[in-house]
Amino acid sequence: MKVVLCFLPLCLLLTSCTPNPTNTPTERTYQYYDVSDKHIEYTDIFTLEGDFYLYIYNQECCHCRSIKQDVIRYSLDKDDFYFLEYVDDIPFSYEDVIYTIGAASLDEFWVTVTPTMYYFSDHVVVEVYEGTSAILDKLEI
């Protein structure tokens, strides 16, 4: 009986010192509201000054969700990165998005898929990155 009573506290001590993998710190999970100050309205796209990236996403898009953490994390310390959530009143076209390069107004601008990232310089679309691979490659993530 004494052996069992001595052995039991030793077992409890050993198991309490064993690292618990569920208590290890995890990387922060970001939400789009964490970058709410970087969200713009569709009508403001061509009013922004300087050179910048515009990332267009859809909350329901599985591809957008797959790179969400990487894109938000990348944008946190960037002053030239904006977000726009795709909604139905943003023009959608099956025409190749590459034709939006050179667009200088909303009349010349459309979205084909989400996610898509545009690079603007002096109020003009200069580059377009369509899909997760192209976006992650450009951001070097």
C-alpha atoms as a PDB file:
ATOM      1  CA  MET A   1       0.000   0.000   0.000  1.00  0.00           C
ATOM      2  CA  LYS A   2       2.869   2.367   0.876  1.00  0.00           C
ATOM      3  CA  VAL A   3       4.457   1.683  -2.497  1.00  0.00           C
ATOM      4  CA  VAL A   4       1.237   2.611  -4.320  1.00  0.00           C
ATOM      5  CA  LEU A   5       0.823   5.788  -2.265  1.00  0.00           C
ATOM      6  CA  CYS A   6       4.413   6.817  -2.993  1.00  0.00           C
ATOM      7  CA  PHE A   7       4.135   5.893  -6.644  1.00  0.00           C
ATOM      8  CA  LEU A   8       0.896   7.820  -7.258  1.00  0.00           C
ATOM      9  CA  PRO A   9       2.299  11.292  -6.381  1.00  0.00           C
ATOM     10  CA  LEU A  10       5.347  10.548  -8.527  1.00  0.00           C
ATOM     11  CA  CYS A  11       3.118   9.739 -11.502  1.00  0.00           C
ATOM     12  CA  LEU A  12       1.105  12.910 -11.004  1.00  0.00           C
ATOM     13  CA  LEU A  13       4.266  14.961 -10.793  1.00  0.00           C
ATOM     14  CA  LEU A  14       5.687  13.479 -13.985  1.00  0.00           C
ATOM     15  CA  THR A  15       2.494  13.927 -15.985  1.00  0.00           C
ATOM     16  CA  SER A  16       2.072  17.511 -14.837  1.00  0.00           C
ATOM     17  CA  CYS A  17       5.570  18.372 -16.113  1.00  0.00           C
ATOM     18  CA  THR A  18       5.054  16.830 -19.508  1.00  0.00           C
ATOM     19  CA  PRO A  19       4.601  19.518 -22.196  1.00  0.00           C
ATOM     20  CA  ASN A  20       1.071  19.807 -23.432  1.00  0.00           C
ATOM     21  CA  PRO A  21       1.001  20.495 -27.162  1.00  0.00           C
ATOM     22  CA  THR A  22      -2.403  22.165 -26.913  1.00  0.00           C
ATOM     23  CA  ASN A  23      -0.920  24.865 -24.683  1.00  0.00           C
ATOM     24  CA  THR A  24       1.783  25.879 -27.137  1.00  0.00           C
ATOM     25  CA  PRO A  25       1.443  29.425 -28.459  1.00  0.00           C
ATOM     26  CA  THR A  26      -0.166  29.652 -31.851  1.00  0.00           C
ATOM     27  CA  GLU A  27       0.196  32.222 -34.570  1.00  0.00           C
ATOM     28  CA  ARG A  28      -2.436  34.923 -34.523  1.00  0.00           C
ATOM     29  CA  THR A  29      -5.457  34.424 -36.743  1.00  0.00           C
ATOM     30  CA  TYR A  30      -6.357  37.579 -38.632  1.00  0.00           C
ATOM     31  CA  GLN A  31      -9.756  38.732 -39.780  1.00  0.00           C
ATOM     32  CA  TYR A  32     -10.587  41.350 -42.394  1.00  0.00           C
ATOM     33  CA  TYR A  33     -11.708  43.718 -39.638  1.00  0.00           C
ATOM     34  CA  ASP A  34      -8.072  43.760 -38.470  1.00  0.00           C
ATOM     35  CA  VAL A  35      -7.337  45.793 -41.595  1.00  0.00           C
ATOM     36  CA  SER A  36     -10.573  47.783 -41.667  1.00  0.00           C
ATOM     37  CA  ASP A  37      -8.564  50.993 -42.028  1.00  0.00           C
ATOM     38  CA  LYS A  38      -7.280  49.617 -45.353  1.00  0.00           C
ATOM     39  CA  HIS A  39     -10.721  48.845 -46.809  1.00  0.00           C
ATOM     40  CA  ILE A  40     -11.948  51.154 -49.537  1.00  0.00           C
ATOM     41  CA  GLU A  41     -15.175  51.606 -51.422  1.00  0.00           C
ATOM     42  CA  TYR A  42     -15.456  50.599 -55.064  1.00  0.00           C
ATOM     43  CA  THR A  43     -16.192  54.176 -56.114  1.00  0.00           C
ATOM     44  CA  ASP A  44     -12.947  55.379 -54.495  1.00  0.00           C
ATOM     45  CA  ILE A  45     -10.582  53.141 -56.474  1.00  0.00           C
ATOM     46  CA  PHE A  46      -9.467  55.784 -58.958  1.00  0.00           C
ATOM     47  CA  THR A  47      -9.392  58.620 -56.430  1.00  0.00           C
ATOM     48  CA  LEU A  48      -6.512  57.203 -54.369  1.00  0.00           C
ATOM     49  CA  GLU A  49      -3.183  58.972 -54.768  1.00  0.00           C
ATOM     50  CA  GLY A  50       0.183  57.392 -55.517  1.00  0.00           C
ATOM     51  CA  ASP A  51       1.085  53.811 -56.263  1.00  0.00           C
ATOM     52  CA  PHE A  52      -0.778  51.054 -54.443  1.00  0.00           C
ATOM     53  CA  TYR A  53      -2.057  47.482 -54.502  1.00  0.00           C
ATOM     54  CA  LEU A  54      -5.753  46.686 -54.358  1.00  0.00           C
ATOM     55  CA  TYR A  55      -6.729  43.191 -53.222  1.00  0.00           C
ATOM     56  CA  ILE A  56     -10.283  42.185 -54.129  1.00  0.00           C
ATOM     57  CA  TYR A  57     -11.738  39.254 -52.225  1.00  0.00           C
ATOM     58  CA  ASN A  58     -15.048  37.609 -51.469  1.00  0.00           C
ATOM     59  CA  GLN A  59     -15.890  36.292 -47.988  1.00  0.00           C
ATOM     60  CA  GLU A  60     -17.450  33.173 -49.538  1.00  0.00           C
ATOM     61  CA  CYS A  61     -14.517  32.417 -51.852  1.00  0.00           C
ATOM     62  CA  CYS A  62     -12.550  29.344 -50.748  1.00  0.00           C
ATOM     63  CA  HIS A  63      -9.457  30.566 -52.623  1.00  0.00           C
ATOM     64  CA  CYS A  64      -9.648  33.933 -50.850  1.00  0.00           C
ATOM     65  CA  ARG A  65      -9.930  32.162 -47.511  1.00  0.00           C
ATOM     66  CA  SER A  66      -6.904  29.990 -48.321  1.00  0.00           C
ATOM     67  CA  ILE A  67      -4.576  33.019 -48.617  1.00  0.00           C
ATOM     68  CA  LYS A  68      -6.391  35.373 -46.246  1.00  0.00           C
ATOM     69  CA  GLN A  69      -3.881  35.051 -43.386  1.00  0.00           C
ATOM     70  CA  ASP A  70      -0.883  35.565 -45.666  1.00  0.00           C
ATOM     71  CA  VAL A  71      -2.342  38.588 -47.440  1.00  0.00           C
ATOM     72  CA  ILE A  72      -3.503  40.312 -44.255  1.00  0.00           C
ATOM     73  CA  ARG A  73      -0.185  39.624 -42.511  1.00  0.00           C
ATOM     74  CA  TYR A  74       1.693  41.015 -45.540  1.00  0.00           C
ATOM     75  CA  SER A  75      -0.430  44.181 -45.625  1.00  0.00           C
ATOM     76  CA  LEU A  76      -0.139  45.084 -41.947  1.00  0.00           C
ATOM     77  CA  ASP A  77       2.972  47.221 -42.287  1.00  0.00           C
ATOM     78  CA  LYS A  78       2.250  48.479 -45.801  1.00  0.00           C
ATOM     79  CA  ASP A  79       0.786  51.926 -46.420  1.00  0.00           C
ATOM     80  CA  ASP A  80       0.193  51.148 -50.096  1.00  0.00           C
ATOM     81  CA  PHE A  81      -2.074  48.111 -49.766  1.00  0.00           C
ATOM     82  CA  TYR A  82      -5.875  48.268 -49.806  1.00  0.00           C
ATOM     83  CA  PHE A  83      -8.740  45.787 -49.595  1.00  0.00           C
ATOM     84  CA  LEU A  84     -12.062  45.725 -51.398  1.00  0.00           C
ATOM     85  CA  GLU A  85     -14.711  43.124 -50.712  1.00  0.00           C
ATOM     86  CA  TYR A  86     -16.379  42.001 -53.907  1.00  0.00           C
ATOM     87  CA  VAL A  87     -20.112  42.709 -53.984  1.00  0.00           C
ATOM     88  CA  ASP A  88     -22.638  42.365 -56.788  1.00  0.00           C
ATOM     89  CA  ASP A  89     -22.569  46.025 -57.839  1.00  0.00           C
ATOM     90  CA  ILE A  90     -18.895  45.767 -58.867  1.00  0.00           C
ATOM     91  CA  PRO A  91     -18.752  44.996 -62.600  1.00  0.00           C
ATOM     92  CA  PHE A  92     -18.022  41.361 -63.396  1.00  0.00           C
ATOM     93  CA  SER A  93     -16.899  40.187 -66.812  1.00  0.00           C
ATOM     94  CA  TYR A  94     -15.821  36.972 -68.486  1.00  0.00           C
ATOM     95  CA  GLU A  95     -13.483  39.054 -70.612  1.00  0.00           C
ATOM     96  CA  ASP A  96      -9.819  38.548 -69.714  1.00  0.00           C
ATOM     97  CA  VAL A  97      -8.864  40.734 -66.749  1.00  0.00           C
ATOM     98  CA  ILE A  98      -5.594  41.569 -68.522  1.00  0.00           C
ATOM     99  CA  TYR A  99      -7.627  44.057 -70.566  1.00  0.00           C
ATOM    100  CA  THR A 100      -8.102  46.159 -67.449  1.00  0.00           C
ATOM    101  CA  ILE A 101      -4.413  47.128 -67.635  1.00  0.00           C
ATOM    102  CA  GLY A 102      -4.446  50.770 -68.620  1.00  0.00           C
ATOM    103  CA  ALA A 103      -7.861  51.389 -67.064  1.00  0.00           C
ATOM    104  CA  ALA A 104      -8.094  54.910 -65.708  1.00  0.00           C
ATOM    105  CA  SER A 105     -11.759  54.983 -64.694  1.00  0.00           C
ATOM    106  CA  LEU A 106     -14.482  52.762 -63.278  1.00  0.00           C
ATOM    107  CA  ASP A 107     -15.959  52.455 -66.785  1.00  0.00           C
ATOM    108  CA  GLU A 108     -12.862  50.505 -67.851  1.00  0.00           C
ATOM    109  CA  PHE A 109     -12.540  48.382 -64.714  1.00  0.00           C
ATOM    110  CA  TRP A 110     -13.993  44.953 -63.929  1.00  0.00           C
ATOM    111  CA  VAL A 111     -13.362  41.763 -61.956  1.00  0.00           C
ATOM    112  CA  THR A 112     -13.348  38.247 -63.371  1.00  0.00           C
ATOM    113  CA  VAL A 113     -12.517  36.138 -60.307  1.00  0.00           C
ATOM    114  CA  THR A 114     -11.638  36.498 -56.669  1.00  0.00           C
ATOM    115  CA  PRO A 115      -9.055  36.843 -55.409  1.00  0.00           C
ATOM    116  CA  THR A 116      -7.517  39.388 -57.749  1.00  0.00           C
ATOM    117  CA  MET A 117      -4.907  41.996 -56.940  1.00  0.00           C
ATOM    118  CA  TYR A 118      -4.347  45.126 -59.007  1.00  0.00           C
ATOM    119  CA  TYR A 119      -1.384  47.465 -58.943  1.00  0.00           C
ATOM    120  CA  PHE A 120      -2.208  51.127 -59.602  1.00  0.00           C
ATOM    121  CA  SER A 121       0.171  53.929 -60.477  1.00  0.00           C
ATOM    122  CA  ASP A 122      -1.064  57.498 -60.886  1.00  0.00           C
ATOM    123  CA  HIS A 123      -4.741  56.457 -61.098  1.00  0.00           C
ATOM    124  CA  VAL A 124      -4.099  53.786 -63.767  1.00  0.00           C
ATOM    125  CA  VAL A 125      -4.124  49.970 -63.521  1.00  0.00           C
ATOM    126  CA  VAL A 126      -0.572  48.894 -64.320  1.00  0.00           C
ATOM    127  CA  GLU A 127      -0.510  45.217 -63.290  1.00  0.00           C
ATOM    128  CA  VAL A 128      -3.068  42.498 -62.519  1.00  0.00           C
ATOM    129  CA  TYR A 129      -2.538  39.324 -60.485  1.00  0.00           C
ATOM    130  CA  GLU A 130      -5.402  36.869 -60.744  1.00  0.00           C
ATOM    131  CA  GLY A 131      -5.717  33.873 -58.439  1.00  0.00           C
ATOM    132  CA  THR A 132      -3.938  32.657 -55.346  1.00  0.00           C
ATOM    133  CA  SER A 133      -0.656  31.555 -56.951  1.00  0.00           C
ATOM    134  CA  ALA A 134      -0.111  34.797 -58.853  1.00  0.00           C
ATOM    135  CA  ILE A 135      -0.875  36.905 -55.775  1.00  0.00           C
ATOM    136  CA  LEU A 136       1.344  34.908 -53.426  1.00  0.00           C
ATOM    137  CA  ASP A 137       4.162  34.920 -55.992  1.00  0.00           C
ATOM    138  CA  LYS A 138       3.981  38.688 -56.373  1.00  0.00           C
ATOM    139  CA  LEU A 139       3.935  39.250 -52.621  1.00  0.00           C
ATOM    140  CA  GLU A 140       6.761  36.708 -52.315  1.00  0.00           C
ATOM    141  CA  ILE A 141       4.900  34.748 -49.654  1.00  0.00           C
END
